[in-house]
Amino acid sequence: MNRHEAQACLPKQQVTRFLSLAITLAFGSTAIAQGFSFERPPIDYHNAEVVDPVSTLAAKIRSGEAKLDYDKDFGYLKSVLKALDVPVSSQTLVFSKTSLQLHCISAQNPRSLYFNDDVYVGFCQQGDVLELAATGPKQGATFYTLSQSELGKPTFIRDRGNCLACHATGRTQNVPGYLVRSVFPDRNGRPRYGRGTFLTDSSSAFKDRWGGWYVTGQHGEMRHMGNTTCDDDVTPLDRESGANCTDLNSLIRTKNFLSPHSDIVALLVLQHQSQMHNAIAVANYETRQAVFNSNQMNELLERPPEHLSESSKRRIDLAATRVVKHLLMCDEFPLTDQIVGSSGYTKDFRSRGKRDSQGRSLRDFDLRTRVFCYPCSYLIHSEAFDGLPKLVRDRILKQLATVLTNEDNSTDYQHISPVLQRQILEILRDTKPEFKRIERELKNG
């Protein structure tokens, strides 16, 4: 039924309401792409209750069930990492002035970042606060600060919009989310924006990665932008002097940090994980918005409450496809040399994986031609993925099964050989029970 047919079926007193709603929905359908819709129902990002690892820890502290210990050198950092199960080996160091406490950051005094599958923790020497972000199963990324003062009970303060100036843009897929940026930094850490910046993800050319970051580990003949600075907009960046660095002591006082490393493998995982989280959040928001809009139209047109319009179905299908492409690491930039980390991160990361009957995990590394042995993201096992509305989660798993059984002829997935298809299928069947259900449904029509 088109708009004019719908109006003809309505009493006159409802026509004005219909037109008003139609305009709202028309703008609402592109609002997420513009970065605004998440501020209103049904997402209501700033006001809705969140449940994530940081909010859970905060509740335990308030109730007395948990406590944080203060350290004279690192404030609450050590205790927070332990409480949130964030490994010290995940430490990466960024010295560009591109975050909240930029006054504390320089090439001699980088910010340290620690992360696991759900939480990111930022620490600055002499900083006023710890910066935290956590991914929950419903609202996606939520940002917090924790005062580094020993006075009073530790209290996590939820950000109410300041972080979103950078963390809800096209670089984060237009939802509150995460990003890894590569810049041309001067010796004070100030980005030379006249030379441009890069969003660093799995598709980025290796040579454009990690400007403004320290990088430790081996990467053979490949070159990146880390471990170096530039003081003008003309001189070519020296990618050679910072290559294959295993010791940062000539650049910073490593004893001032929990680890002497800024592990290249951790950086590779971080760049994948940040955009994978964002794609999951987009699917979550898009589906809830599509259902919300459809329900409004159902009420107005006296359709069954469960009716889902064709436009809403297409919207959800598109979001599902975006997630599948991120899951299967489409457009991943191929490695041309061996990557070797400098710390225990590689082992720590692998140890957290769900393993199939043959001992294989989606957290196993390749690090020769691609990052992971099996190009299907380990975040399929995350609470964020499991928290997706069933409407879109089922679509994602069905598309995934179709690709992995070679029933999808799209060129987007040609990087996954028949052998890899079989291996990923076997891992998912053993480690993701819901995937077996989807396969049965597809088989039974």
Protein backbone atom coordinates (compact mmCIF):
# COMPACT_ATOMS: atom_id res chain seq x y z
CA MET A 1 0.00 0.00 0.00
CA ASN A 2 1.47 3.38 -0.93
CA ARG A 3 1.08 6.58 1.06
CA HIS A 4 -1.95 7.86 -0.91
CA GLU A 5 -3.77 4.50 -0.61
CA ALA A 6 -3.11 4.50 3.12
CA GLN A 7 -4.51 8.01 3.48
CA ALA A 8 -7.65 7.02 1.56
CA CYS A 9 -8.30 4.24 4.08
CA LEU A 10 -8.01 6.58 7.07
CA PRO A 11 -10.66 8.80 8.64
CA LYS A 12 -10.03 12.49 7.97
CA GLN A 13 -9.06 13.20 11.55
CA GLN A 14 -6.18 10.71 11.23
CA VAL A 15 -4.70 12.09 8.02
CA THR A 16 -2.79 14.88 9.74
CA ARG A 17 -1.44 12.44 12.29
CA PHE A 18 -0.44 10.03 9.51
CA LEU A 19 1.45 12.71 7.60
CA SER A 20 3.23 13.84 10.74
CA LEU A 21 4.25 10.28 11.57
CA ALA A 22 5.30 9.60 7.98
CA ILE A 23 7.62 12.61 8.07
CA THR A 24 9.04 11.50 11.41
CA LEU A 25 9.66 8.00 10.14
CA ALA A 26 11.16 9.24 6.90
CA PHE A 27 13.73 11.29 8.78
CA GLY A 28 14.10 8.57 11.40
CA SER A 29 15.07 6.02 8.79
CA THR A 30 18.27 7.95 8.09
CA ALA A 31 18.83 9.29 11.58
CA ILE A 32 21.22 6.58 12.64
CA ALA A 33 23.30 7.23 9.55
CA GLN A 34 23.41 10.87 10.65
CA GLY A 35 24.30 9.93 14.24
CA PHE A 36 21.21 11.36 15.98
CA SER A 37 18.59 8.66 16.32
CA PHE A 38 20.30 6.88 19.22
CA GLU A 39 19.51 9.90 21.44
CA ARG A 40 15.75 9.28 21.15
CA PRO A 41 13.53 6.25 21.84
CA PRO A 42 13.76 3.38 21.34
CA ILE A 43 17.53 3.60 21.94
CA ASP A 44 17.47 6.60 24.30
CA TYR A 45 21.23 6.26 24.69
CA HIS A 46 21.80 8.91 27.34
CA ASN A 47 18.98 7.88 29.66
CA ALA A 48 18.47 4.14 29.27
CA GLU A 49 19.83 1.87 31.96
CA VAL A 50 23.05 0.13 31.00
CA VAL A 51 24.34 -3.25 32.09
CA ASP A 52 27.98 -3.82 31.25
CA PRO A 53 31.12 -4.89 33.15
CA VAL A 54 31.84 -1.37 34.43
CA SER A 55 28.28 -0.67 35.61
CA THR A 56 28.25 -4.11 37.29
CA LEU A 57 31.53 -3.38 39.10
CA ALA A 58 30.24 0.05 40.13
CA ALA A 59 27.16 -1.55 41.69
CA LYS A 60 29.32 -4.02 43.61
CA ILE A 61 31.47 -1.19 44.96
CA ARG A 62 28.40 0.75 46.08
CA SER A 63 27.03 -2.31 47.89
CA GLY A 64 30.36 -3.15 49.51
CA GLU A 65 30.64 -6.45 47.66
CA ALA A 66 33.82 -5.25 45.92
CA LYS A 67 36.51 -2.68 46.63
CA LEU A 68 39.31 -1.03 44.70
CA ASP A 69 42.81 -0.61 46.10
CA TYR A 70 44.77 2.59 45.55
CA ASP A 71 48.39 2.55 44.37
CA LYS A 72 50.63 5.61 44.82
CA ASP A 73 52.05 5.31 41.28
CA PHE A 74 49.06 4.09 39.28
CA GLY A 75 46.05 5.13 41.33
CA TYR A 76 43.23 2.63 40.83
CA LEU A 77 44.58 1.24 37.55
CA LYS A 78 45.95 -2.09 38.80
CA SER A 79 42.88 -2.81 40.89
CA VAL A 80 40.48 -1.88 38.08
CA LEU A 81 42.27 -4.14 35.58
CA LYS A 82 42.11 -7.04 38.02
CA ALA A 83 38.44 -6.46 38.86
CA LEU A 84 37.47 -6.26 35.18
CA ASP A 85 39.73 -9.16 34.11
CA VAL A 86 41.72 -7.01 31.68
CA PRO A 87 45.22 -8.42 31.05
CA VAL A 88 48.25 -6.16 31.54
CA SER A 89 49.75 -7.82 28.45
CA SER A 90 47.11 -6.01 26.34
CA GLN A 91 48.90 -2.71 26.98
CA THR A 92 49.34 -0.45 23.97
CA LEU A 93 50.87 3.03 24.19
CA VAL A 94 49.61 6.05 22.27
CA PHE A 95 51.43 9.38 22.38
CA SER A 96 49.33 11.52 20.04
CA LYS A 97 47.22 14.17 21.74
CA THR A 98 43.94 12.71 20.54
CA SER A 99 42.08 11.88 23.75
CA LEU A 100 40.44 13.41 26.81
CA GLN A 101 43.56 14.15 28.89
CA LEU A 102 45.72 15.46 26.08
CA HIS A 103 47.54 17.83 28.48
CA CYS A 104 49.14 14.75 30.09
CA ILE A 105 50.23 13.12 26.83
CA SER A 106 53.44 13.54 24.84
CA ALA A 107 55.97 11.39 23.01
CA GLN A 108 57.86 11.03 26.28
CA ASN A 109 54.72 10.36 28.31
CA PRO A 110 52.25 8.26 26.29
CA ARG A 111 48.79 7.17 27.36
CA SER A 112 48.46 3.47 28.04
CA LEU A 113 45.41 1.52 26.88
CA TYR A 114 44.34 -1.91 28.15
CA PHE A 115 41.45 -4.01 26.87
CA ASN A 116 39.65 -7.33 26.84
CA ASP A 117 36.63 -8.41 24.77
CA ASP A 118 34.24 -5.99 26.50
CA VAL A 119 36.22 -3.27 28.27
CA TYR A 120 38.79 -0.58 27.40
CA VAL A 121 40.79 1.25 30.10
CA GLY A 122 42.93 4.34 29.45
CA PHE A 123 45.59 5.59 31.88
CA CYS A 124 47.71 8.75 31.80
CA GLN A 125 50.70 9.46 34.02
CA GLN A 126 49.65 12.30 36.34
CA GLY A 127 46.15 12.07 34.91
CA ASP A 128 43.10 13.16 36.86
CA VAL A 129 40.95 10.18 35.89
CA LEU A 130 40.99 6.71 34.45
CA GLU A 131 39.05 6.63 31.18
CA LEU A 132 36.89 3.56 30.60
CA ALA A 133 34.56 2.28 27.91
CA ALA A 134 32.48 -0.86 28.14
CA THR A 135 30.30 -2.75 25.68
CA GLY A 136 27.00 -4.05 26.98
CA PRO A 137 24.56 -6.44 25.32
CA LYS A 138 21.94 -3.75 24.66
CA GLN A 139 23.31 -0.19 24.47
CA GLY A 140 26.69 -0.86 22.88
CA ALA A 141 29.59 1.35 23.99
CA THR A 142 29.23 3.38 27.18
CA PHE A 143 31.95 5.70 28.45
CA TYR A 144 33.03 6.36 32.05
CA THR A 145 35.66 8.11 34.12
CA LEU A 146 37.02 7.19 37.54
CA SER A 147 38.77 9.85 39.63
CA GLN A 148 42.37 9.04 40.46
CA SER A 149 42.03 10.76 43.83
CA GLU A 150 42.34 8.56 46.91
CA LEU A 151 39.76 10.67 48.74
CA GLY A 152 36.28 9.18 49.04
CA LYS A 153 34.81 5.95 47.67
CA PRO A 154 35.78 5.22 44.04
CA THR A 155 32.86 6.23 41.82
CA PHE A 156 32.48 5.58 38.11
CA ILE A 157 30.94 8.59 36.35
CA ARG A 158 29.02 7.86 33.17
CA ASP A 159 29.74 10.23 30.31
CA ARG A 160 26.71 12.18 29.13
CA GLY A 161 27.86 13.18 25.67
CA ASN A 162 31.33 14.74 25.76
CA CYS A 163 33.03 11.59 24.49
CA LEU A 164 30.62 11.30 21.59
CA ALA A 165 32.20 14.27 19.80
CA CYS A 166 34.81 11.76 18.63
CA HIS A 167 33.13 8.47 19.50
CA ALA A 168 29.85 8.79 17.57
CA THR A 169 30.89 9.77 14.04
CA GLY A 170 31.46 8.18 10.66
CA ARG A 171 34.69 6.76 12.10
CA THR A 172 32.61 4.70 14.57
CA GLN A 173 29.96 3.74 11.99
CA ASN A 174 27.74 6.58 13.32
CA VAL A 175 26.94 4.98 16.67
CA PRO A 176 28.61 5.43 20.06
CA GLY A 177 31.67 3.28 19.58
CA TYR A 178 35.39 2.84 19.23
CA LEU A 179 38.13 3.82 16.84
CA VAL A 180 41.88 3.54 16.35
CA ARG A 181 43.38 6.59 14.66
CA SER A 182 46.70 6.99 12.90
CA VAL A 183 48.11 10.52 12.65
CA PHE A 184 51.31 12.34 11.78
CA PRO A 185 52.46 13.46 15.26
CA ASP A 186 55.12 16.01 16.13
CA ARG A 187 57.58 15.44 18.97
CA ASN A 188 55.07 16.85 21.46
CA GLY A 189 52.37 14.45 20.28
CA ARG A 190 50.35 17.08 18.44
CA PRO A 191 48.83 15.71 15.23
CA ARG A 192 49.82 17.54 12.09
CA TYR A 193 46.34 17.49 10.61
CA GLY A 194 47.53 19.13 7.42
CA ARG A 195 49.11 15.80 6.49
CA GLY A 196 45.86 13.90 7.04
CA THR A 197 44.78 11.13 9.39
CA PHE A 198 43.77 7.50 8.95
CA LEU A 199 41.10 5.36 10.56
CA THR A 200 42.94 2.14 11.36
CA ASP A 201 41.00 -1.08 10.94
CA SER A 202 41.60 -4.50 9.41
CA SER A 203 41.38 -3.12 5.88
CA SER A 204 44.00 -0.41 6.40
CA ALA A 205 47.24 -0.54 4.46
CA PHE A 206 50.01 -1.58 6.84
CA LYS A 207 52.04 1.52 5.97
CA ASP A 208 49.23 3.79 7.23
CA ARG A 209 48.85 2.20 10.66
CA TRP A 210 49.77 3.41 14.16
CA GLY A 211 51.01 6.92 13.58
CA GLY A 212 51.19 8.40 17.09
CA TRP A 213 51.50 4.96 18.72
CA TYR A 214 54.42 2.99 20.04
CA VAL A 215 54.73 -0.46 18.51
CA THR A 216 56.85 -3.35 19.80
CA GLY A 217 57.35 -6.62 17.95
CA GLN A 218 58.64 -8.00 14.68
CA HIS A 219 56.99 -7.42 11.29
CA GLY A 220 59.74 -8.20 8.77
CA GLU A 221 59.83 -6.07 5.64
CA MET A 222 56.46 -4.43 6.27
CA ARG A 223 56.55 -0.85 7.55
CA HIS A 224 54.15 1.19 9.69
CA MET A 225 53.97 4.76 11.06
CA GLY A 226 54.62 3.96 14.73
CA ASN A 227 57.56 4.92 16.96
CA THR A 228 58.36 8.11 15.07
CA THR A 229 57.42 11.78 14.82
CA CYS A 230 57.42 14.49 12.16
CA ASP A 231 57.81 18.22 12.70
CA ASP A 232 56.72 19.64 9.36
CA ASP A 233 54.26 18.97 6.55
CA VAL A 234 56.91 18.36 3.91
CA THR A 235 59.56 15.90 5.11
CA PRO A 236 58.60 12.26 4.39
CA LEU A 237 57.78 10.28 7.52
CA ASP A 238 60.68 8.06 8.56
CA ARG A 239 59.06 4.61 8.71
CA GLU A 240 62.41 2.82 8.84
CA SER A 241 63.77 3.98 12.20
CA GLY A 242 60.72 2.72 14.10
CA ALA A 243 60.50 -0.67 12.40
CA ASN A 244 60.84 -4.02 14.22
CA CYS A 245 61.30 -2.36 17.60
CA THR A 246 61.44 -4.72 20.58
CA ASP A 247 62.65 -2.26 23.24
CA LEU A 248 61.18 1.18 23.92
CA ASN A 249 63.72 2.26 26.56
CA SER A 250 65.46 4.62 24.13
CA LEU A 251 62.13 6.40 23.55
CA ILE A 252 60.38 6.41 26.95
CA ARG A 253 60.95 5.40 30.57
CA THR A 254 59.26 2.03 30.39
CA LYS A 255 59.47 1.54 34.17
CA ASN A 256 56.71 4.15 34.46
CA PHE A 257 54.25 1.69 32.90
CA LEU A 258 52.82 -1.66 33.95
CA SER A 259 54.53 -3.29 30.97
CA PRO A 260 57.50 -2.27 28.80
CA HIS A 261 55.55 -3.28 25.68
CA SER A 262 53.09 -1.87 23.18
CA ASP A 263 52.55 -5.20 21.51
CA ILE A 264 51.91 -5.26 17.77
CA VAL A 265 49.61 -8.27 18.11
CA ALA A 266 47.49 -6.41 20.66
CA LEU A 267 47.27 -3.51 18.20
CA LEU A 268 46.13 -5.85 15.43
CA VAL A 269 43.42 -7.29 17.66
CA LEU A 270 42.36 -3.83 18.83
CA GLN A 271 41.88 -2.51 15.31
CA HIS A 272 39.66 -5.48 14.41
CA GLN A 273 37.72 -5.53 17.66
CA SER A 274 36.90 -1.82 17.72
CA GLN A 275 35.07 -1.85 14.37
CA MET A 276 33.53 -5.27 15.00
CA HIS A 277 31.95 -3.89 18.17
CA ASN A 278 30.65 -0.92 16.18
CA ALA A 279 29.05 -3.13 13.51
CA ILE A 280 27.28 -5.15 16.20
CA ALA A 281 25.99 -1.94 17.80
CA VAL A 282 24.70 -0.68 14.43
CA ALA A 283 22.77 -3.93 13.93
CA ASN A 284 21.33 -3.63 17.43
CA TYR A 285 20.23 -0.03 16.98
CA GLU A 286 18.95 -0.44 13.42
CA THR A 287 16.81 -3.44 14.34
CA ARG A 288 15.27 -1.81 17.40
CA GLN A 289 14.60 1.37 15.42
CA ALA A 290 13.06 -0.56 12.52
CA VAL A 291 10.74 -2.51 14.83
CA PHE A 292 9.81 0.66 16.71
CA ASN A 293 8.91 2.46 13.48
CA SER A 294 7.01 -0.54 12.17
CA ASN A 295 5.00 -0.81 15.40
CA GLN A 296 3.98 2.84 15.13
CA MET A 297 2.72 2.27 11.58
CA ASN A 298 0.94 -0.94 12.61
CA GLU A 299 -0.99 0.91 15.28
CA LEU A 300 -1.93 3.68 12.90
CA LEU A 301 -2.98 1.34 10.08
CA GLU A 302 -4.58 -1.21 12.43
CA ARG A 303 -2.26 -3.97 11.28
CA PRO A 304 -1.29 -6.92 13.48
CA PRO A 305 1.30 -5.85 16.10
CA GLU A 306 3.85 -8.38 14.87
CA HIS A 307 3.71 -7.17 11.24
CA LEU A 308 7.12 -6.11 9.92
CA SER A 309 7.11 -3.94 6.83
CA GLU A 310 9.23 -4.76 3.82
CA SER A 311 11.32 -1.63 4.33
CA SER A 312 12.00 -2.67 7.92
CA LYS A 313 13.01 -6.15 6.77
CA ARG A 314 15.42 -4.66 4.24
CA ARG A 315 16.87 -2.39 6.89
CA ILE A 316 17.51 -5.31 9.22
CA ASP A 317 18.91 -7.47 6.40
CA LEU A 318 21.37 -4.74 5.50
CA ALA A 319 22.55 -4.42 9.10
CA ALA A 320 22.95 -8.21 9.28
CA THR A 321 25.03 -8.27 6.11
CA ARG A 322 27.30 -5.56 7.50
CA VAL A 323 27.93 -7.68 10.60
CA VAL A 324 28.63 -10.80 8.54
CA LYS A 325 31.21 -8.94 6.47
CA HIS A 326 32.96 -7.79 9.63
CA LEU A 327 32.72 -11.25 11.19
CA LEU A 328 34.32 -12.85 8.15
CA MET A 329 36.93 -10.09 7.87
CA CYS A 330 36.13 -9.09 4.32
CA ASP A 331 38.61 -6.63 2.82
CA GLU A 332 41.29 -7.56 5.37
CA PHE A 333 44.64 -6.19 4.24
CA PRO A 334 46.93 -9.17 3.56
CA LEU A 335 50.11 -9.49 5.58
CA THR A 336 53.25 -10.01 3.52
CA ASP A 337 55.63 -10.99 6.32
CA GLN A 338 55.63 -12.74 9.68
CA ILE A 339 54.29 -10.87 12.73
CA VAL A 340 55.74 -11.73 16.15
CA GLY A 341 54.53 -10.06 19.33
CA SER A 342 56.91 -8.81 22.01
CA SER A 343 54.98 -9.74 25.16
CA GLY A 344 52.80 -12.52 26.50
CA TYR A 345 49.70 -11.07 24.85
CA THR A 346 49.51 -13.66 22.07
CA LYS A 347 49.37 -16.48 24.62
CA ASP A 348 46.99 -14.62 26.94
CA PHE A 349 44.55 -13.88 24.12
CA ARG A 350 44.54 -17.47 22.83
CA SER A 351 43.99 -18.87 26.33
CA ARG A 352 40.58 -17.19 26.53
CA GLY A 353 39.17 -18.95 23.49
CA LYS A 354 36.34 -21.48 23.25
CA ARG A 355 37.78 -24.58 21.61
CA ASP A 356 36.12 -27.22 19.46
CA SER A 357 36.57 -30.99 19.76
CA GLN A 358 39.79 -30.73 17.76
CA GLY A 359 41.25 -27.99 19.98
CA ARG A 360 40.73 -25.17 17.45
CA SER A 361 39.55 -21.68 18.37
CA LEU A 362 38.55 -18.50 16.58
CA ARG A 363 41.23 -16.85 18.75
CA ASP A 364 44.06 -18.80 17.13
CA PHE A 365 46.53 -16.60 15.24
CA ASP A 366 48.04 -16.95 11.79
CA LEU A 367 50.17 -13.74 11.68
CA ARG A 368 51.78 -14.64 8.35
CA THR A 369 49.23 -13.84 5.66
CA ARG A 370 46.36 -12.66 7.88
CA VAL A 371 45.82 -12.00 11.58
CA PHE A 372 43.71 -15.03 12.54
CA CYS A 373 43.92 -18.66 11.44
CA TYR A 374 40.16 -18.81 10.91
CA PRO A 375 38.72 -15.56 9.54
CA CYS A 376 35.58 -15.42 11.65
CA SER A 377 35.58 -13.03 14.58
CA TYR A 378 35.83 -14.39 18.12
CA LEU A 379 33.29 -11.68 19.08
CA ILE A 380 30.57 -13.99 17.80
CA HIS A 381 30.93 -15.45 21.31
CA SER A 382 30.55 -12.07 23.03
CA GLU A 383 27.65 -10.86 25.16
CA ALA A 384 27.23 -7.99 22.71
CA PHE A 385 26.53 -10.45 19.89
CA ASP A 386 24.29 -12.67 22.01
CA GLY A 387 22.40 -9.57 23.13
CA LEU A 388 21.38 -8.65 19.58
CA PRO A 389 17.62 -8.78 18.95
CA LYS A 390 16.71 -12.26 17.72
CA LEU A 391 15.35 -10.79 14.47
CA VAL A 392 18.80 -9.68 13.37
CA ARG A 393 20.85 -12.32 15.19
CA ASP A 394 19.08 -15.10 13.32
CA ARG A 395 19.58 -13.28 10.03
CA ILE A 396 23.31 -12.93 10.73
CA LEU A 397 23.70 -16.61 11.57
CA LYS A 398 21.66 -17.67 8.51
CA GLN A 399 23.79 -15.52 6.21
CA LEU A 400 26.90 -16.90 7.89
CA ALA A 401 25.75 -20.49 7.40
CA THR A 402 24.93 -19.76 3.75
CA VAL A 403 28.40 -18.36 3.12
CA LEU A 404 30.18 -21.18 4.94
CA THR A 405 28.28 -23.88 3.05
CA ASN A 406 29.27 -22.21 -0.22
CA GLU A 407 25.68 -21.33 -1.12
CA ASP A 408 26.49 -17.61 -1.37
CA ASN A 409 28.17 -16.73 -4.65
CA SER A 410 29.09 -13.19 -3.63
CA THR A 411 32.64 -12.14 -4.42
CA ASP A 412 32.82 -10.59 -0.94
CA TYR A 413 33.66 -13.97 0.57
CA GLN A 414 36.09 -15.42 -1.94
CA HIS A 415 38.94 -15.00 0.55
CA ILE A 416 37.51 -17.95 2.51
CA SER A 417 38.62 -21.17 0.84
CA PRO A 418 36.51 -24.36 0.99
CA VAL A 419 38.93 -25.73 3.58
CA LEU A 420 38.51 -22.63 5.77
CA GLN A 421 34.74 -22.76 5.29
CA ARG A 422 34.67 -26.31 6.63
CA GLN A 423 36.98 -25.50 9.54
CA ILE A 424 34.98 -22.45 10.62
CA LEU A 425 31.74 -24.43 10.34
CA GLU A 426 33.15 -27.17 12.58
CA ILE A 427 34.33 -24.65 15.17
CA LEU A 428 30.97 -22.86 15.24
CA ARG A 429 29.01 -26.12 15.50
CA ASP A 430 31.04 -27.10 18.57
CA THR A 431 31.23 -23.70 20.27
CA LYS A 432 28.04 -21.86 19.29
CA PRO A 433 24.94 -24.01 20.03
CA GLU A 434 22.63 -21.44 18.45
CA PHE A 435 24.42 -21.93 15.15
CA LYS A 436 23.33 -25.59 15.07
CA ARG A 437 19.72 -24.51 15.51
CA ILE A 438 20.00 -22.13 12.57
CA GLU A 439 21.50 -24.87 10.40
CA ARG A 440 18.61 -27.18 11.24
CA GLU A 441 16.08 -24.46 10.37
CA LEU A 442 17.76 -23.85 7.03
CA LYS A 443 17.83 -27.57 6.28
CA ASN A 444 14.14 -27.95 7.12
CA GLY A 445 13.18 -24.95 5.02
